Protein backbone atom coordinates (compact mmCIF):
# COMPACT_ATOMS: atom_id res chain seq x y z
CA MET A 1 80.67 98.80 70.97
CA THR A 2 80.78 101.41 73.66
CA GLU A 3 83.06 101.87 76.62
CA ARG A 4 80.29 100.39 78.74
CA ASP A 5 80.21 97.26 76.54
CA PHE A 6 83.94 96.75 77.03
CA PHE A 7 83.50 97.18 80.78
CA ARG A 8 80.67 94.63 80.76
CA MET A 9 82.77 92.13 78.80
CA ARG A 10 85.68 92.47 81.20
CA TRP A 11 83.30 91.99 84.13
CA LEU A 12 81.80 88.85 82.57
CA ILE A 13 85.24 87.42 81.81
CA ARG A 14 86.28 87.94 85.45
CA ARG A 15 82.97 86.53 86.72
CA LEU A 16 83.06 83.19 84.87
CA PRO A 17 85.59 81.45 87.17
CA LYS A 18 83.53 82.43 90.23
CA LEU A 19 80.39 81.05 88.63
CA GLN A 20 82.22 77.80 87.81
CA TRP A 21 83.38 77.62 91.42
CA ASP A 22 79.81 78.13 92.66
CA ILE A 23 78.58 75.30 90.45
CA ALA A 24 81.31 72.95 91.70
CA ARG A 25 80.62 73.85 95.33
CA LYS A 26 76.87 73.43 94.95
CA GLN A 27 77.37 70.17 93.04
CA ALA A 28 79.45 68.85 95.92
CA THR A 29 76.81 69.92 98.43
CA ALA A 30 73.96 68.41 96.41
CA THR A 31 75.69 65.06 96.06
CA LYS A 32 76.87 64.97 99.69
CA VAL A 33 73.41 65.43 101.11
CA THR A 34 71.60 62.11 101.50
CA THR A 35 68.04 61.37 102.47
CA VAL A 36 67.22 59.68 105.73
CA ILE A 37 67.19 55.92 105.21
CA THR A 38 64.62 55.16 107.90
CA GLY A 39 61.95 57.17 106.16
CA MET A 40 61.05 58.86 109.41
CA PRO A 41 60.19 62.53 109.06
CA ARG A 42 62.76 65.04 110.22
CA GLY A 43 61.93 68.05 112.31
CA GLY A 44 61.34 71.31 110.52
CA GLY A 45 60.07 69.76 107.31
CA GLU A 46 63.19 70.83 105.39
CA ASN A 47 64.39 68.88 102.42
CA ARG A 48 68.10 69.66 102.24
CA GLN A 49 68.69 67.61 99.12
CA GLU A 50 65.92 69.39 97.23
CA ASP A 51 67.24 72.79 98.39
CA ALA A 52 70.75 71.86 97.28
CA MET A 53 69.51 70.77 93.85
CA ILE A 54 67.57 74.03 93.44
CA MET A 55 70.66 76.06 94.34
CA LEU A 56 72.70 74.01 91.84
CA ALA A 57 70.15 74.70 89.09
CA ILE A 58 70.22 78.43 89.87
CA ALA A 59 74.04 78.46 89.71
CA ARG A 60 74.02 76.62 86.37
CA ASP A 61 71.46 79.06 84.96
CA ALA A 62 73.56 82.05 86.04
CA TYR A 63 76.64 80.53 84.37
CA ARG A 64 74.73 79.75 81.17
CA GLU A 65 73.31 83.30 81.00
CA ALA A 66 76.76 84.83 81.48
CA ILE A 67 78.24 82.61 78.75
CA GLU A 68 75.43 83.44 76.32
CA GLU A 69 75.78 87.17 76.92
CA LEU A 70 79.55 87.05 76.55
CA GLU A 71 79.34 84.97 73.35
CA ALA A 72 76.86 87.43 71.81
CA MET A 73 79.18 90.33 72.63
CA ARG A 74 82.16 88.42 71.21
CA GLU A 75 80.30 87.86 67.94
CA GLN A 76 79.72 91.60 67.66
CA LEU A 77 83.30 92.47 68.53
CA SER A 78 85.17 89.96 66.36
CA PRO A 79 84.62 91.68 62.97
CA LYS A 80 85.56 95.02 64.53
CA ILE A 81 88.83 93.60 65.81
CA ASP A 82 89.56 92.33 62.29
CA ARG A 83 89.31 95.91 61.03
CA LEU A 84 92.15 97.12 63.28
CA GLU A 85 95.37 97.83 61.40
CA ASP A 86 97.99 97.46 64.17
CA PRO A 87 98.85 93.77 64.60
CA ASP A 88 99.81 94.23 68.27
CA GLU A 89 96.48 95.86 69.06
CA LYS A 90 94.62 93.19 67.11
CA ALA A 91 96.42 90.37 68.94
CA ALA A 92 95.93 91.96 72.36
CA MET A 93 92.20 92.51 71.73
CA ARG A 94 91.70 88.95 70.52
CA MET A 95 93.47 87.50 73.54
CA ARG A 96 91.68 89.77 76.00
CA TYR A 97 88.11 89.78 74.74
CA LEU A 98 87.77 86.67 72.58
CA HIS A 99 89.98 84.29 74.59
CA GLY A 100 89.49 85.83 78.04
CA LEU A 101 93.14 86.27 79.03
CA SER A 102 94.16 88.91 81.55
CA PRO A 103 96.49 91.71 80.44
CA GLU A 104 99.27 90.14 82.51
CA GLU A 105 98.81 86.78 80.75
CA ILE A 106 98.84 88.55 77.39
CA ALA A 107 102.08 90.32 78.29
CA GLN A 108 103.73 87.01 79.11
CA THR A 109 102.42 85.42 75.92
CA ILE A 110 103.59 88.13 73.53
CA HIS A 111 106.73 88.99 75.51
CA ARG A 112 105.84 92.59 76.22
CA THR A 113 105.47 94.58 79.42
CA ASP A 114 102.13 94.83 81.18
CA ARG A 115 102.12 98.54 80.46
CA SER A 116 102.52 97.93 76.72
CA VAL A 117 99.57 95.57 76.72
CA TYR A 118 97.40 98.09 78.57
CA VAL A 119 98.39 100.73 75.98
CA TYR A 120 97.50 98.37 73.08
CA LEU A 121 94.15 97.52 74.64
CA ASN A 122 93.28 101.10 75.47
CA ARG A 123 94.21 102.34 72.01
CA ALA A 124 92.32 99.53 70.28
CA GLU A 125 89.19 100.07 72.36
CA ARG A 126 89.18 103.78 71.49
CA ARG A 127 89.68 102.98 67.78
CA ILE A 128 86.79 100.51 67.79
CA ILE A 129 84.52 103.00 69.55
CA ARG A 130 85.54 105.65 67.01
CA MET A 131 85.00 103.22 64.11
CA GLU A 132 81.51 102.49 65.29
CA ALA A 133 80.74 106.19 65.70
CA ASP A 134 82.00 106.86 62.17
CA ASP A 135 79.94 103.97 60.76
CA GLY A 136 76.84 105.32 62.49
CA ARG A 137 77.02 108.64 60.62
């Protein structure tokens, strides 16, 4: 894992709720749109229901791709977290990267200050990066 990988994981974790929101919004739009009962053609030749369903499919694909990428990164990171010696660092890393909690949520869970959690995460990330560099030699 590199610093860039950790940045990417944090970005994906923050992005998931937005993607879920997009799916819900597009689902509501796709089910709200109804076809014209009379069967008479509408002006412009647009098919709003078809467009809404396409947008919903695109949103679902984006969510699925983000989940798959995040899960692959989590599989790589999990054994490296297990190699950490400090239990606070290990717990903070698991909660942050494997369970997707924010540092503030972690601080509340383990009854520490936000600053302490940021220190644990920063230290653990550097140790994992160093571990990987040492293993690569």
